[in-house]
Amino acid sequence: MEYLGFTISEMGLNYTLISLTVFFSIFFLITFVITSRNMDSKGLLRVLYSKPVRNKDGIIEYPKEQ
């Protein structure tokens, strides 16, 4: 039963790698909380089910009804 007794250095992890993992995990959680307010089902379904129209100036619009 000594298979699960590896130390952190034996697994190939060091302080830099652990700190980068923690940093990006916290960064992901913060960005998810910030952007989750913009992800409502009505807006997502509008984008998924409608055909976008590109204007001559490059702006993309999603028509409300087809």
N, C-alpha and C. Protein backbone atom coordinates (compact mmCIF):
# COMPACT_ATOMS: atom_id res chain seq x y z
N MET A 1 0.82 -1.20 0.00
CA MET A 1 0.00 0.00 0.00
C MET A 1 0.86 1.26 0.00
N GLU A 2 2.07 1.19 -0.45
CA GLU A 2 2.93 2.36 -0.50
C GLU A 2 2.83 3.08 -1.84
N TYR A 3 1.91 2.67 -2.69
CA TYR A 3 1.78 3.29 -4.01
C TYR A 3 1.27 4.72 -3.93
N LEU A 4 0.49 5.03 -2.92
CA LEU A 4 -0.09 6.36 -2.82
C LEU A 4 0.75 7.28 -1.95
N GLY A 5 1.94 6.88 -1.58
CA GLY A 5 2.76 7.67 -0.69
C GLY A 5 3.81 8.50 -1.41
N PHE A 6 3.52 8.95 -2.62
CA PHE A 6 4.48 9.77 -3.35
C PHE A 6 4.56 11.16 -2.76
N THR A 7 5.74 11.72 -2.76
CA THR A 7 5.89 13.11 -2.35
C THR A 7 5.63 14.02 -3.55
N ILE A 8 5.51 15.30 -3.29
CA ILE A 8 5.23 16.24 -4.38
C ILE A 8 6.38 16.28 -5.38
N SER A 9 7.61 16.23 -4.92
CA SER A 9 8.75 16.26 -5.84
C SER A 9 8.85 14.98 -6.66
N GLU A 10 8.42 13.85 -6.12
CA GLU A 10 8.43 12.60 -6.89
C GLU A 10 7.39 12.61 -8.00
N MET A 11 6.33 13.38 -7.83
CA MET A 11 5.31 13.50 -8.88
C MET A 11 5.70 14.51 -9.95
N GLY A 12 6.80 15.19 -9.78
CA GLY A 12 7.25 16.16 -10.76
C GLY A 12 6.70 17.55 -10.54
N LEU A 13 6.14 17.79 -9.38
CA LEU A 13 5.59 19.11 -9.09
C LEU A 13 6.59 19.91 -8.26
N ASN A 14 6.69 21.19 -8.57
CA ASN A 14 7.52 22.08 -7.77
C ASN A 14 6.70 23.31 -7.39
N TYR A 15 7.30 24.21 -6.65
CA TYR A 15 6.57 25.38 -6.15
C TYR A 15 6.04 26.23 -7.30
N THR A 16 6.83 26.40 -8.35
CA THR A 16 6.40 27.22 -9.48
C THR A 16 5.19 26.62 -10.17
N LEU A 17 5.19 25.34 -10.40
CA LEU A 17 4.08 24.67 -11.07
C LEU A 17 2.81 24.71 -10.23
N ILE A 18 2.95 24.50 -8.94
CA ILE A 18 1.78 24.54 -8.06
C ILE A 18 1.22 25.95 -7.99
N SER A 19 2.09 26.97 -7.91
CA SER A 19 1.60 28.35 -7.85
C SER A 19 0.93 28.77 -9.15
N LEU A 20 1.45 28.32 -10.30
CA LEU A 20 0.79 28.62 -11.58
C LEU A 20 -0.57 27.95 -11.67
N THR A 21 -0.68 26.73 -11.20
CA THR A 21 -1.96 26.02 -11.21
C THR A 21 -2.98 26.73 -10.33
N VAL A 22 -2.57 27.15 -9.15
CA VAL A 22 -3.47 27.87 -8.25
C VAL A 22 -3.87 29.21 -8.85
N PHE A 23 -2.91 29.92 -9.45
CA PHE A 23 -3.20 31.22 -10.06
C PHE A 23 -4.24 31.09 -11.17
N PHE A 24 -4.04 30.16 -12.09
CA PHE A 24 -4.97 30.01 -13.21
C PHE A 24 -6.32 29.46 -12.76
N SER A 25 -6.34 28.68 -11.70
CA SER A 25 -7.62 28.21 -11.17
C SER A 25 -8.43 29.36 -10.60
N ILE A 26 -7.77 30.22 -9.84
CA ILE A 26 -8.46 31.39 -9.28
C ILE A 26 -8.87 32.35 -10.40
N PHE A 27 -8.00 32.53 -11.40
CA PHE A 27 -8.32 33.39 -12.54
C PHE A 27 -9.55 32.87 -13.29
N PHE A 28 -9.63 31.55 -13.50
CA PHE A 28 -10.79 30.96 -14.17
C PHE A 28 -12.06 31.20 -13.38
N LEU A 29 -12.02 31.00 -12.08
CA LEU A 29 -13.22 31.19 -11.26
C LEU A 29 -13.68 32.65 -11.28
N ILE A 30 -12.76 33.58 -11.21
CA ILE A 30 -13.12 35.00 -11.24
C ILE A 30 -13.73 35.38 -12.59
N THR A 31 -13.11 34.95 -13.68
CA THR A 31 -13.66 35.29 -15.00
C THR A 31 -14.99 34.60 -15.25
N PHE A 32 -15.17 33.40 -14.72
CA PHE A 32 -16.46 32.72 -14.87
C PHE A 32 -17.56 33.48 -14.15
N VAL A 33 -17.28 33.96 -12.94
CA VAL A 33 -18.28 34.71 -12.19
C VAL A 33 -18.61 36.01 -12.90
N ILE A 34 -17.61 36.67 -13.47
CA ILE A 34 -17.85 37.95 -14.16
C ILE A 34 -18.70 37.74 -15.42
N THR A 35 -18.39 36.70 -16.20
CA THR A 35 -19.08 36.51 -17.48
C THR A 35 -20.38 35.74 -17.36
N SER A 36 -20.63 35.07 -16.25
CA SER A 36 -21.84 34.26 -16.14
C SER A 36 -23.11 35.11 -16.12
N ARG A 37 -23.00 36.38 -15.73
CA ARG A 37 -24.18 37.25 -15.75
C ARG A 37 -24.64 37.52 -17.18
N ASN A 38 -23.72 37.46 -18.14
CA ASN A 38 -24.07 37.73 -19.54
C ASN A 38 -24.57 36.49 -20.26
N MET A 39 -24.54 35.34 -19.64
CA MET A 39 -24.94 34.10 -20.30
C MET A 39 -26.35 33.70 -19.87
N ASP A 40 -27.33 34.41 -20.35
CA ASP A 40 -28.70 34.00 -20.07
C ASP A 40 -29.19 33.12 -21.21
N SER A 41 -30.19 32.33 -20.96
CA SER A 41 -30.65 31.37 -21.97
C SER A 41 -31.27 32.06 -23.17
N LYS A 42 -31.92 33.19 -22.95
CA LYS A 42 -32.56 33.89 -24.07
C LYS A 42 -31.51 34.41 -25.06
N GLY A 43 -30.45 35.00 -24.54
CA GLY A 43 -29.39 35.50 -25.41
C GLY A 43 -28.64 34.40 -26.12
N LEU A 44 -28.37 33.31 -25.42
CA LEU A 44 -27.66 32.21 -26.04
C LEU A 44 -28.50 31.55 -27.14
N LEU A 45 -29.77 31.34 -26.88
CA LEU A 45 -30.63 30.74 -27.90
C LEU A 45 -30.80 31.65 -29.10
N ARG A 46 -30.83 32.95 -28.87
CA ARG A 46 -30.92 33.89 -29.99
C ARG A 46 -29.71 33.75 -30.91
N VAL A 47 -28.53 33.63 -30.32
CA VAL A 47 -27.31 33.50 -31.12
C VAL A 47 -27.25 32.14 -31.80
N LEU A 48 -27.67 31.09 -31.10
CA LEU A 48 -27.56 29.75 -31.66
C LEU A 48 -28.57 29.47 -32.77
N TYR A 49 -29.79 29.98 -32.63
CA TYR A 49 -30.85 29.62 -33.57
C TYR A 49 -31.07 30.63 -34.69
N SER A 50 -30.49 31.79 -34.62
CA SER A 50 -30.72 32.78 -35.68
C SER A 50 -29.54 32.82 -36.65
N LYS A 51 -29.81 33.27 -37.83
CA LYS A 51 -28.77 33.41 -38.83
C LYS A 51 -28.23 34.84 -38.74
N PRO A 52 -26.95 35.01 -38.44
CA PRO A 52 -26.42 36.36 -38.30
C PRO A 52 -26.33 37.06 -39.64
N VAL A 53 -26.49 38.38 -39.60
CA VAL A 53 -26.41 39.21 -40.79
C VAL A 53 -25.24 40.17 -40.61
N ARG A 54 -24.32 40.16 -41.55
CA ARG A 54 -23.17 41.06 -41.47
C ARG A 54 -23.44 42.30 -42.33
N ASN A 55 -23.37 43.45 -41.69
CA ASN A 55 -23.56 44.71 -42.40
C ASN A 55 -22.31 45.06 -43.20
N LYS A 56 -22.43 46.09 -44.04
CA LYS A 56 -21.30 46.49 -44.86
C LYS A 56 -20.15 47.04 -44.03
N ASP A 57 -20.46 47.59 -42.86
CA ASP A 57 -19.40 48.13 -42.01
C ASP A 57 -18.75 47.07 -41.12
N GLY A 58 -19.17 45.82 -41.24
CA GLY A 58 -18.55 44.72 -40.52
C GLY A 58 -19.26 44.32 -39.24
N ILE A 59 -20.29 45.06 -38.83
CA ILE A 59 -21.01 44.74 -37.61
C ILE A 59 -21.97 43.59 -37.87
N ILE A 60 -21.99 42.62 -36.96
CA ILE A 60 -22.87 41.46 -37.09
C ILE A 60 -24.11 41.68 -36.23
N GLU A 61 -25.27 41.51 -36.84
CA GLU A 61 -26.54 41.67 -36.11
C GLU A 61 -27.30 40.35 -36.16
N TYR A 62 -28.05 40.09 -35.10
CA TYR A 62 -28.87 38.89 -35.01
C TYR A 62 -30.34 39.35 -35.06
N PRO A 63 -31.03 39.03 -36.14
CA PRO A 63 -32.43 39.43 -36.22
C PRO A 63 -33.28 38.76 -35.16
N LYS A 64 -34.26 39.49 -34.62
CA LYS A 64 -35.10 38.95 -33.55
C LYS A 64 -36.05 37.88 -34.06
N GLU A 65 -36.61 38.09 -35.25
CA GLU A 65 -37.52 37.10 -35.83
C GLU A 65 -37.16 36.89 -37.27
N GLN A 66 -37.37 35.67 -37.73
CA GLN A 66 -37.04 35.37 -39.13
C GLN A 66 -38.26 35.33 -39.97
